[in-house]
N, C-alpha and C. Protein backbone atom coordinates (compact mmCIF):
# COMPACT_ATOMS: atom_id res chain seq x y z
N SER A 1 -0.16 -3.12 8.73
CA SER A 1 -0.57 -3.86 7.36
C SER A 1 -1.78 -4.34 8.40
N LEU A 2 -2.52 -4.95 7.10
CA LEU A 2 -3.67 -6.40 7.31
C LEU A 2 -3.48 -6.97 6.08
N TYR A 3 -3.31 -8.42 6.30
CA TYR A 3 -3.08 -9.20 5.10
C TYR A 3 -2.19 -8.93 4.20
N GLY A 4 -1.10 -8.02 4.69
CA GLY A 4 -0.04 -7.80 2.97
C GLY A 4 -0.58 -6.51 2.61
N VAL A 5 -1.64 -5.54 3.08
CA VAL A 5 -1.89 -4.75 2.66
C VAL A 5 -1.23 -3.87 3.81
N ASN A 6 0.11 -2.76 3.05
CA ASN A 6 0.57 -2.38 4.35
C ASN A 6 0.39 -0.53 4.05
N ASP A 7 0.85 0.15 5.51
CA ASP A 7 0.77 1.54 5.54
C ASP A 7 1.09 2.22 6.43
N ARG A 8 1.74 2.86 6.32
CA ARG A 8 2.23 3.79 7.68
C ARG A 8 1.27 5.08 8.11
N GLY A 9 1.12 4.76 8.96
CA GLY A 9 -0.39 6.25 9.66
C GLY A 9 -0.15 6.30 11.11
N GLU A 10 0.07 7.50 11.71
CA GLU A 10 0.01 7.32 13.34
C GLU A 10 -1.29 7.20 13.90
N SER A 11 -2.32 7.03 12.92
CA SER A 11 -3.70 6.54 13.63
C SER A 11 -4.38 5.58 12.24
N VAL A 12 -5.09 4.43 12.81
CA VAL A 12 -5.54 3.92 12.50
C VAL A 12 -7.17 3.33 12.69
N VAL A 13 -7.93 2.67 11.72
CA VAL A 13 -9.08 2.24 11.85
C VAL A 13 -9.03 1.11 11.05
N TYR A 14 -9.53 -0.19 12.05
CA TYR A 14 -10.15 -0.87 10.92
C TYR A 14 -11.38 -1.46 11.06
N ILE A 15 -12.23 -1.46 10.18
CA ILE A 15 -13.24 -2.13 10.31
C ILE A 15 -13.64 -3.24 9.89
N LEU A 16 -14.11 -4.14 10.57
CA LEU A 16 -14.45 -5.92 10.11
C LEU A 16 -16.08 -5.61 10.18
N ASP A 17 -16.07 -6.76 9.46
CA ASP A 17 -17.47 -7.47 8.89
C ASP A 17 -17.23 -8.69 10.17
N HIS A 18 -18.19 -8.69 10.65
CA HIS A 18 -18.51 -10.04 11.70
C HIS A 18 -20.09 -10.74 11.29
N SER A 19 -20.50 -10.54 10.15
CA SER A 19 -21.80 -10.92 10.01
C SER A 19 -21.58 -12.55 9.73
N GLY A 20 -23.45 -13.29 9.54
CA GLY A 20 -22.75 -14.85 9.87
C GLY A 20 -22.14 -15.10 8.60
N SER A 21 -21.49 -14.52 7.36
CA SER A 21 -21.67 -15.24 6.45
C SER A 21 -19.73 -15.47 6.60
N VAL A 22 -19.30 -14.73 7.62
CA VAL A 22 -17.49 -14.97 8.11
C VAL A 22 -17.44 -16.04 9.21
N ARG A 23 -18.58 -16.86 9.55
CA ARG A 23 -18.31 -17.62 10.48
C ARG A 23 -17.64 -18.42 10.62
N ASP A 24 -16.70 -19.08 9.37
CA ASP A 24 -16.08 -20.01 8.87
C ASP A 24 -14.85 -19.41 9.37
N SER A 25 -14.46 -17.92 9.00
CA SER A 25 -13.13 -17.80 8.63
C SER A 25 -13.01 -16.75 9.79
N PHE A 26 -13.82 -15.88 10.65
CA PHE A 26 -14.07 -15.27 11.64
C PHE A 26 -12.68 -15.36 12.46
N ASP A 27 -12.62 -16.68 12.91
CA ASP A 27 -11.64 -16.30 14.18
C ASP A 27 -9.86 -16.28 13.46
N PHE A 28 -10.15 -16.31 12.19
CA PHE A 28 -8.59 -16.15 11.31
C PHE A 28 -8.62 -14.37 11.37
N LEU A 29 -9.69 -13.80 10.94
CA LEU A 29 -9.24 -12.25 11.04
C LEU A 29 -9.51 -11.35 12.34
N ARG A 30 -10.05 -11.97 13.28
CA ARG A 30 -9.87 -11.70 14.84
C ARG A 30 -8.58 -11.83 15.26
N GLN A 31 -7.85 -13.33 15.18
CA GLN A 31 -6.76 -13.29 15.38
C GLN A 31 -5.33 -12.13 14.70
N GLU A 32 -5.35 -12.05 13.09
CA GLU A 32 -4.93 -11.13 12.30
C GLU A 32 -4.88 -9.73 12.78
N THR A 33 -6.05 -9.48 13.08
CA THR A 33 -6.16 -8.00 13.51
C THR A 33 -5.47 -7.77 14.44
N ILE A 34 -5.57 -8.72 15.62
CA ILE A 34 -4.71 -8.86 17.51
C ILE A 34 -3.36 -8.61 16.91
N SER A 35 -2.87 -9.48 16.15
CA SER A 35 -1.83 -9.38 15.80
C SER A 35 -0.88 -8.15 14.78
N ARG A 36 -1.70 -7.63 14.40
CA ARG A 36 -1.38 -6.10 13.58
C ARG A 36 -1.73 -5.04 14.82
N VAL A 37 -2.61 -5.05 15.55
CA VAL A 37 -2.52 -4.13 16.66
C VAL A 37 -1.55 -4.37 17.36
N ASN A 38 -1.02 -5.69 17.47
CA ASN A 38 0.24 -5.79 18.68
C ASN A 38 1.27 -4.90 18.22
N TYR A 39 1.77 -4.95 16.58
CA TYR A 39 2.59 -4.16 15.83
C TYR A 39 2.56 -2.79 16.18
N LEU A 40 1.42 -2.32 16.34
CA LEU A 40 1.76 -0.66 16.82
C LEU A 40 2.52 -0.28 17.86
N ILE A 41 2.90 0.66 17.68
CA ILE A 41 4.11 1.35 18.57
C ILE A 41 2.89 2.54 19.54
N PRO A 42 3.79 2.71 20.44
CA PRO A 42 2.51 3.83 21.51
C PRO A 42 2.72 5.08 20.99
N THR A 43 3.10 5.46 19.70
CA THR A 43 3.37 6.64 19.17
C THR A 43 1.93 6.55 18.53
N GLN A 44 1.40 5.39 18.12
CA GLN A 44 0.37 5.74 16.87
C GLN A 44 -1.03 5.33 18.10
N SER A 45 -1.92 5.46 17.22
CA SER A 45 -3.80 5.44 17.93
C SER A 45 -4.28 4.54 16.85
N PHE A 46 -5.19 3.62 17.75
CA PHE A 46 -6.15 2.98 17.12
C PHE A 46 -7.51 2.59 17.34
N ASN A 47 -8.27 2.59 16.78
CA ASN A 47 -9.61 1.84 17.07
C ASN A 47 -10.35 0.57 15.78
N VAL A 48 -11.22 -0.16 16.14
CA VAL A 48 -11.65 -1.10 15.62
C VAL A 48 -13.49 -0.99 15.70
N ILE A 49 -13.51 -1.37 14.28
CA ILE A 49 -14.95 -1.25 14.54
C ILE A 49 -15.63 -2.38 13.97
N MET A 50 -16.47 -2.82 14.54
CA MET A 50 -17.10 -4.15 13.61
C MET A 50 -18.85 -4.57 13.46
N PHE A 51 -18.74 -4.45 12.48
CA PHE A 51 -20.48 -4.13 11.61
C PHE A 51 -20.61 -5.69 11.49
N SER A 52 -22.21 -5.80 11.23
CA SER A 52 -22.76 -6.90 10.61
C SER A 52 -24.30 -6.05 10.57
N GLU A 53 -25.48 -6.45 11.38
CA GLU A 53 -26.47 -5.81 11.42
C GLU A 53 -26.33 -4.03 11.68
N LYS A 54 -25.53 -3.61 12.56
CA LYS A 54 -25.23 -2.38 13.04
C LYS A 54 -23.50 -2.16 13.27
N ALA A 55 -23.20 -1.53 13.24
CA ALA A 55 -21.39 -0.79 13.37
C ALA A 55 -21.54 -0.52 14.86
N THR A 56 -20.35 -1.12 15.52
CA THR A 56 -19.77 -0.83 17.15
C THR A 56 -18.29 -0.65 17.25
N SER A 57 -17.86 0.22 17.89
CA SER A 57 -16.71 0.60 18.59
C SER A 57 -16.10 0.27 19.49
N ILE A 58 -15.07 -0.71 19.13
CA ILE A 58 -14.36 -1.37 20.35
C ILE A 58 -14.48 -0.21 21.92
N PHE A 59 -13.29 0.98 20.60
CA PHE A 59 -13.24 2.18 21.73
C PHE A 59 -14.45 3.07 21.54
N PRO A 60 -14.33 4.03 22.63
CA PRO A 60 -15.14 5.23 22.42
C PRO A 60 -14.73 6.03 21.23
N GLU A 61 -13.03 6.26 21.15
CA GLU A 61 -12.81 7.30 20.62
C GLU A 61 -11.26 6.75 20.02
N LEU A 62 -10.37 7.33 19.07
CA LEU A 62 -8.82 6.38 19.00
C LEU A 62 -8.17 6.35 20.13
N SER A 63 -7.29 5.62 20.42
CA SER A 63 -6.79 4.73 21.39
C SER A 63 -5.43 4.65 21.22
N LYS A 64 -4.46 5.07 22.06
CA LYS A 64 -3.00 4.81 22.00
C LYS A 64 -2.72 3.44 22.07
N ALA A 65 -1.51 3.04 20.92
CA ALA A 65 -1.03 1.98 21.27
C ALA A 65 -0.32 1.15 22.50
N ILE A 66 -0.78 1.68 23.42
CA ILE A 66 0.03 0.63 24.58
C ILE A 66 -0.51 -0.25 24.90
N PRO A 67 0.49 -1.07 25.50
CA PRO A 67 0.07 -2.53 26.04
C PRO A 67 -1.14 -2.72 26.83
N GLN A 68 -1.78 -2.11 27.43
CA GLN A 68 -2.95 -1.79 28.56
C GLN A 68 -4.42 -1.69 27.17
N ASN A 69 -4.20 -0.99 26.25
CA ASN A 69 -5.05 -0.50 25.25
C ASN A 69 -5.05 -1.71 24.24
N LYS A 70 -4.10 -2.15 24.35
CA LYS A 70 -3.83 -3.37 23.23
C LYS A 70 -4.40 -4.67 24.39
N LYS A 71 -4.15 -4.99 25.12
CA LYS A 71 -4.78 -6.09 26.10
C LYS A 71 -6.31 -6.17 26.10
N ASN A 72 -7.04 -4.47 26.06
CA ASN A 72 -8.19 -4.45 26.33
C ASN A 72 -9.41 -4.80 25.14
N PHE A 73 -8.26 -4.14 24.17
CA PHE A 73 -8.97 -4.15 22.70
C PHE A 73 -8.84 -6.35 22.55
N ALA A 74 -7.76 -6.58 22.35
CA ALA A 74 -7.91 -8.20 22.50
C ALA A 74 -8.62 -9.11 23.31
N LYS A 75 -9.28 -8.64 24.34
CA LYS A 75 -10.58 -9.14 25.41
C LYS A 75 -11.90 -8.61 24.86
N GLU A 76 -11.81 -7.47 24.05
CA GLU A 76 -13.04 -7.20 23.83
C GLU A 76 -13.22 -7.80 22.40
N ILE A 77 -12.78 -7.88 21.61
CA ILE A 77 -12.66 -8.52 20.29
C ILE A 77 -13.09 -10.02 20.66
N GLY A 78 -12.67 -10.61 21.46
CA GLY A 78 -12.68 -12.07 21.75
C GLY A 78 -14.43 -12.34 21.81
N THR A 79 -14.75 -11.06 22.56
CA THR A 79 -16.52 -10.94 22.76
C THR A 79 -17.50 -11.13 21.87
N TYR A 80 -16.50 -11.11 20.23
CA TYR A 80 -17.59 -10.65 19.31
C TYR A 80 -17.78 -12.06 18.47
N MET A 81 -18.98 -12.69 18.09
CA MET A 81 -18.90 -13.84 17.01
C MET A 81 -19.72 -13.26 16.16
N ALA A 82 -19.31 -14.22 14.84
CA ALA A 82 -19.83 -13.78 13.32
C ALA A 82 -21.44 -14.35 13.44
N ARG A 83 -22.19 -13.31 13.24
CA ARG A 83 -23.20 -13.54 13.28
C ARG A 83 -24.65 -12.41 12.64
N GLY A 84 -25.44 -12.36 12.94
CA GLY A 84 -26.23 -11.21 11.83
C GLY A 84 -26.07 -11.70 10.37
N MET A 85 -26.86 -10.42 10.04
CA MET A 85 -27.00 -10.23 8.42
C MET A 85 -26.51 -9.09 8.06
N LYS A 86 -25.94 -8.73 7.25
CA LYS A 86 -25.91 -7.21 6.01
C LYS A 86 -26.41 -7.42 5.53
N SER A 87 -26.99 -6.37 4.98
CA SER A 87 -27.72 -6.31 3.01
C SER A 87 -27.02 -5.25 2.48
N GLU A 88 -27.61 -5.04 1.43
CA GLU A 88 -27.55 -3.81 0.96
C GLU A 88 -28.45 -2.87 1.40
N LEU A 89 -29.47 -2.69 2.09
CA LEU A 89 -30.48 -1.86 2.38
C LEU A 89 -30.41 -1.24 3.47
N ASN A 90 -29.76 -1.98 4.53
CA ASN A 90 -29.74 -1.54 5.95
C ASN A 90 -28.02 -0.80 6.40
N GLY A 91 -27.49 -0.50 5.39
CA GLY A 91 -26.22 0.51 5.71
C GLY A 91 -24.83 0.48 6.70
N PRO A 92 -24.88 -0.89 7.27
CA PRO A 92 -24.30 -1.30 8.71
C PRO A 92 -22.60 -0.77 8.26
N ALA A 93 -22.63 -0.71 6.79
CA ALA A 93 -20.80 -0.21 6.27
C ALA A 93 -20.98 1.25 6.47
N LYS A 94 -22.03 2.18 5.59
CA LYS A 94 -21.83 3.27 5.79
C LYS A 94 -22.16 3.68 7.80
N GLU A 95 -22.63 3.34 8.34
CA GLU A 95 -22.59 3.70 9.72
C GLU A 95 -21.12 3.47 10.42
N ALA A 96 -20.71 2.37 10.04
CA ALA A 96 -19.01 2.29 10.38
C ALA A 96 -18.24 3.19 9.66
N PHE A 97 -18.17 3.45 8.63
CA PHE A 97 -17.52 4.42 7.98
C PHE A 97 -17.31 6.04 8.67
N GLN A 98 -18.83 6.42 8.82
CA GLN A 98 -19.27 7.46 9.58
C GLN A 98 -18.62 7.29 10.95
N LYS A 99 -18.67 6.53 11.57
CA LYS A 99 -17.80 6.35 13.27
C LYS A 99 -16.35 6.32 12.77
N ALA A 100 -15.75 6.22 12.05
CA ALA A 100 -14.47 5.88 11.97
C ALA A 100 -14.23 7.06 11.23
N PHE A 101 -14.17 7.54 10.02
CA PHE A 101 -14.18 9.07 10.14
C PHE A 101 -14.57 10.42 11.07
N ALA A 102 -15.29 10.36 11.87
CA ALA A 102 -15.43 11.02 12.87
C ALA A 102 -14.12 10.64 13.81
N MET A 103 -13.40 10.24 14.08
CA MET A 103 -12.23 9.78 14.41
C MET A 103 -10.92 10.47 13.98
N LYS A 104 -10.88 11.05 12.75
CA LYS A 104 -10.19 11.19 11.87
C LYS A 104 -8.52 10.83 11.97
N PRO A 105 -8.72 9.49 11.37
CA PRO A 105 -7.84 8.79 11.50
C PRO A 105 -6.55 8.99 9.95
N VAL A 106 -5.44 8.64 10.00
CA VAL A 106 -4.71 8.68 8.86
C VAL A 106 -5.26 7.46 7.53
N VAL A 107 -5.52 6.19 8.00
CA VAL A 107 -5.71 4.81 7.80
C VAL A 107 -6.67 4.38 8.20
N ILE A 108 -7.57 3.43 6.98
CA ILE A 108 -9.15 3.14 7.27
C ILE A 108 -8.20 1.70 6.79
N PHE A 109 -8.69 0.58 7.23
CA PHE A 109 -8.49 -0.42 6.68
C PHE A 109 -10.15 -1.26 6.93
N PHE A 110 -10.90 -1.55 5.36
CA PHE A 110 -11.99 -2.15 6.00
C PHE A 110 -12.43 -3.31 5.03
N VAL A 111 -12.65 -4.38 6.04
CA VAL A 111 -12.79 -5.80 5.31
C VAL A 111 -14.15 -6.61 5.08
N THR A 112 -14.75 -7.02 4.43
CA THR A 112 -15.80 -7.70 4.34
C THR A 112 -15.80 -9.00 3.37
N ASP A 113 -16.50 -9.59 3.77
CA ASP A 113 -16.82 -10.89 2.49
C ASP A 113 -18.07 -10.79 1.61
N GLY A 114 -18.91 -9.64 1.80
CA GLY A 114 -19.82 -9.50 0.99
C GLY A 114 -20.59 -8.38 0.17
N PRO A 115 -21.87 -8.49 0.03
CA PRO A 115 -22.25 -7.32 -0.79
C PRO A 115 -22.26 -5.87 0.68
N VAL A 116 -21.88 -5.49 0.30
CA VAL A 116 -22.10 -3.61 0.66
C VAL A 116 -22.92 -2.45 -0.43
N ASP A 117 -23.66 -1.78 0.25
CA ASP A 117 -24.16 -0.71 -0.11
C ASP A 117 -23.48 -0.17 -1.45
N VAL A 118 -24.64 -0.22 -2.46
CA VAL A 118 -24.16 0.20 -3.87
C VAL A 118 -23.68 1.85 -3.97
N ASP A 119 -23.82 2.68 -3.16
CA ASP A 119 -23.49 3.80 -2.90
C ASP A 119 -22.45 3.62 -2.26
N LEU A 120 -22.22 2.88 -1.01
CA LEU A 120 -20.89 2.57 -0.50
C LEU A 120 -19.76 4.17 -0.80
N PRO A 121 -18.89 3.49 -2.20
CA PRO A 121 -18.28 4.21 -2.89
C PRO A 121 -18.45 6.13 -2.74
N GLU A 122 -19.53 6.13 -3.09
CA GLU A 122 -19.89 7.75 -3.07
C GLU A 122 -19.99 8.09 -1.55
N ALA A 123 -20.53 7.43 -0.73
CA ALA A 123 -20.70 7.98 0.67
C ALA A 123 -19.31 8.52 1.31
N VAL A 124 -18.24 7.16 1.23
CA VAL A 124 -17.02 7.13 1.46
C VAL A 124 -16.16 8.39 0.80
N LYS A 125 -16.46 8.45 -0.61
CA LYS A 125 -15.92 9.86 -1.03
C LYS A 125 -16.42 11.08 -0.32
N GLU A 126 -17.61 11.04 -0.02
CA GLU A 126 -18.23 12.63 0.50
C GLU A 126 -17.26 12.66 1.85
N LEU A 127 -17.46 11.33 2.37
CA LEU A 127 -16.89 11.35 3.87
C LEU A 127 -15.40 12.07 3.70
N ASN A 128 -14.63 11.52 2.59
CA ASN A 128 -13.31 11.89 2.56
C ASN A 128 -13.03 12.68 1.59
N LYS A 129 -13.57 14.20 1.53
CA LYS A 129 -13.69 15.19 0.44
C LYS A 129 -11.95 15.81 0.41
N ASP A 130 -11.71 15.89 1.45
CA ASP A 130 -10.28 16.48 1.65
C ASP A 130 -9.08 15.45 1.24
N LYS A 131 -9.53 13.97 0.98
CA LYS A 131 -8.41 13.22 0.44
C LYS A 131 -7.59 12.91 2.02
N ALA A 132 -7.94 12.98 3.48
CA ALA A 132 -7.02 13.32 4.20
C ALA A 132 -6.73 11.89 4.78
N VAL A 133 -7.69 10.73 4.50
CA VAL A 133 -7.64 9.78 5.07
C VAL A 133 -7.36 8.31 3.83
N ARG A 134 -6.46 7.25 3.97
CA ARG A 134 -6.58 6.44 2.76
C ARG A 134 -7.03 5.59 3.54
N VAL A 135 -7.70 4.90 2.16
CA VAL A 135 -8.95 3.88 2.73
C VAL A 135 -8.52 2.37 1.96
N HIS A 136 -8.24 1.38 2.70
CA HIS A 136 -7.81 0.06 2.23
C HIS A 136 -8.89 -0.84 2.37
N THR A 137 -8.79 -1.31 1.32
CA THR A 137 -9.96 -2.31 1.25
C THR A 137 -9.84 -3.87 1.27
N LEU A 138 -10.50 -4.87 1.83
CA LEU A 138 -9.85 -5.94 1.49
C LEU A 138 -11.31 -6.79 1.34
N GLY A 139 -10.84 -7.89 0.32
CA GLY A 139 -12.31 -8.61 0.09
C GLY A 139 -12.09 -9.83 0.92
N PHE A 140 -12.96 -10.81 1.17
CA PHE A 140 -12.30 -11.65 2.56
C PHE A 140 -13.18 -12.95 2.36
N VAL A 141 -12.40 -13.77 1.54
CA VAL A 141 -12.94 -15.66 1.55
C VAL A 141 -13.77 -15.47 0.21
N ASN A 142 -15.02 -14.59 0.06
CA ASN A 142 -15.49 -14.97 -0.55
C ASN A 142 -15.17 -14.15 -1.83
N HIS A 143 -14.95 -14.62 -3.44
CA HIS A 143 -14.91 -14.31 -4.35
C HIS A 143 -16.34 -13.69 -5.09
N GLU A 144 -16.57 -12.67 -5.09
CA GLU A 144 -17.84 -12.14 -5.81
C GLU A 144 -17.94 -10.97 -6.66
N ASP A 145 -17.90 -10.65 -7.86
CA ASP A 145 -17.14 -9.67 -8.51
C ASP A 145 -18.27 -8.42 -8.32
N SER A 146 -19.48 -8.66 -8.01
CA SER A 146 -20.39 -7.50 -7.58
C SER A 146 -20.10 -6.28 -6.17
N TYR A 147 -19.40 -7.11 -5.33
CA TYR A 147 -18.72 -6.37 -4.52
C TYR A 147 -17.39 -6.07 -4.37
N GLU A 148 -16.59 -6.98 -5.13
CA GLU A 148 -15.42 -6.70 -5.05
C GLU A 148 -14.97 -5.16 -6.30
N LYS A 149 -15.80 -5.10 -6.83
CA LYS A 149 -16.12 -3.61 -7.46
C LYS A 149 -16.25 -2.75 -7.03
N LEU A 150 -16.50 -2.86 -5.77
CA LEU A 150 -17.48 -1.81 -4.85
C LEU A 150 -15.99 -1.75 -4.29
N LEU A 151 -15.80 -2.59 -4.22
CA LEU A 151 -14.30 -2.32 -3.13
C LEU A 151 -13.24 -1.54 -3.58
N LYS A 152 -12.69 -2.26 -4.74
CA LYS A 152 -11.69 -1.76 -5.89
C LYS A 152 -11.93 0.20 -5.98
N LYS A 153 -13.19 0.30 -5.90
CA LYS A 153 -13.49 1.80 -6.12
C LYS A 153 -13.24 2.53 -5.18
N ILE A 154 -14.10 1.88 -4.04
CA ILE A 154 -13.28 2.56 -2.57
C ILE A 154 -11.65 3.26 -2.75
N ALA A 155 -11.22 1.78 -2.71
CA ALA A 155 -9.62 1.99 -2.69
C ALA A 155 -9.41 3.08 -3.36
N GLU A 156 -9.47 3.13 -4.50
CA GLU A 156 -8.85 4.12 -5.60
C GLU A 156 -9.12 5.12 -5.65
N GLU A 157 -10.68 5.52 -5.19
CA GLU A 157 -11.07 6.78 -5.03
C GLU A 157 -10.52 7.60 -3.48
N ASN A 158 -9.95 6.87 -2.66
CA ASN A 158 -9.24 7.09 -1.81
C ASN A 158 -8.00 7.10 -1.10
N GLY A 159 -6.99 7.02 -2.59
CA GLY A 159 -5.42 6.68 -2.22
C GLY A 159 -4.89 5.34 -1.47
N GLY A 160 -5.91 4.30 -1.70
CA GLY A 160 -5.54 3.03 -0.83
C GLY A 160 -5.75 1.94 -1.89
N LYS A 161 -5.26 0.76 -1.61
CA LYS A 161 -5.11 -0.55 -1.93
C LYS A 161 -6.23 -1.72 -1.98
N TYR A 162 -7.08 -2.35 -2.95
CA TYR A 162 -7.60 -3.17 -2.79
C TYR A 162 -6.80 -4.47 -2.82
N SER A 163 -7.44 -5.83 -2.04
CA SER A 163 -6.64 -6.92 -2.36
C SER A 163 -7.55 -7.80 -1.47
N PHE A 164 -7.38 -8.97 -2.21
CA PHE A 164 -8.42 -10.26 -1.73
C PHE A 164 -7.62 -11.41 -0.77
N VAL A 165 -7.90 -11.82 -0.12
CA VAL A 165 -7.62 -12.49 0.83
C VAL A 165 -8.69 -13.58 0.95
N GLY A 166 -7.63 -15.04 0.24
CA GLY A 166 -8.57 -16.18 -0.25
C GLY A 166 -7.96 -16.77 1.12
N SER A 167 -9.18 -18.18 1.37
CA SER A 167 -8.66 -19.45 2.65
C SER A 167 -7.31 -19.52 2.34
N LYS A 168 -6.50 -19.57 1.51
CA LYS A 168 -5.13 -20.38 1.87
C LYS A 168 -4.40 -19.03 2.60
N GLU A 169 -4.82 -17.92 2.38
CA GLU A 169 -3.61 -16.80 3.34
C GLU A 169 -4.32 -16.51 4.84
N LEU A 170 -5.01 -17.27 5.17
CA LEU A 170 -5.48 -17.29 6.44
C LEU A 170 -4.65 -18.35 7.25
N ARG A 171 -4.13 -17.74 8.60
CA ARG A 171 -3.67 -18.20 9.67
C ARG A 171 -3.74 -17.97 10.76
N ASN A 172 -3.58 -18.57 11.60
CA ASN A 172 -3.71 -18.92 13.02
C ASN A 172 -2.68 -17.92 13.77
């Protein structure tokens, strides 16, 4: 699960926005993700893709949720800061989804606080033609109809759920 959006799957990829606009709330997102990864069991696999001006994976591929990989993940995500800019024109979210789908997970959680490419729903739908992956989307702290509508569409078309995470739901 992530911020109350629950799903079971043997493999999960978290796609997290770490652009400058999440500066004030990124530490909460980082801690929540570490906590959720720590709940995974060794028969599950996971990865985390960070995106801002580009998309980067914590691991090169899905990794078993064993203690050493969880520890390595927590250490690596600790090196990420909220900085940079994303825009509707540069496509870092698309790049993140391409990397995620290439790993063939069962579940993807996508978290962002603002604008994404207007054609992102279509790109995700194309990547998930066989509907093998459930995609959950989370709007993070910033309510904005334009991007929330896109996130809802992505979740709806890919067997997932959309949820908004307000500042009151953040926890250390």
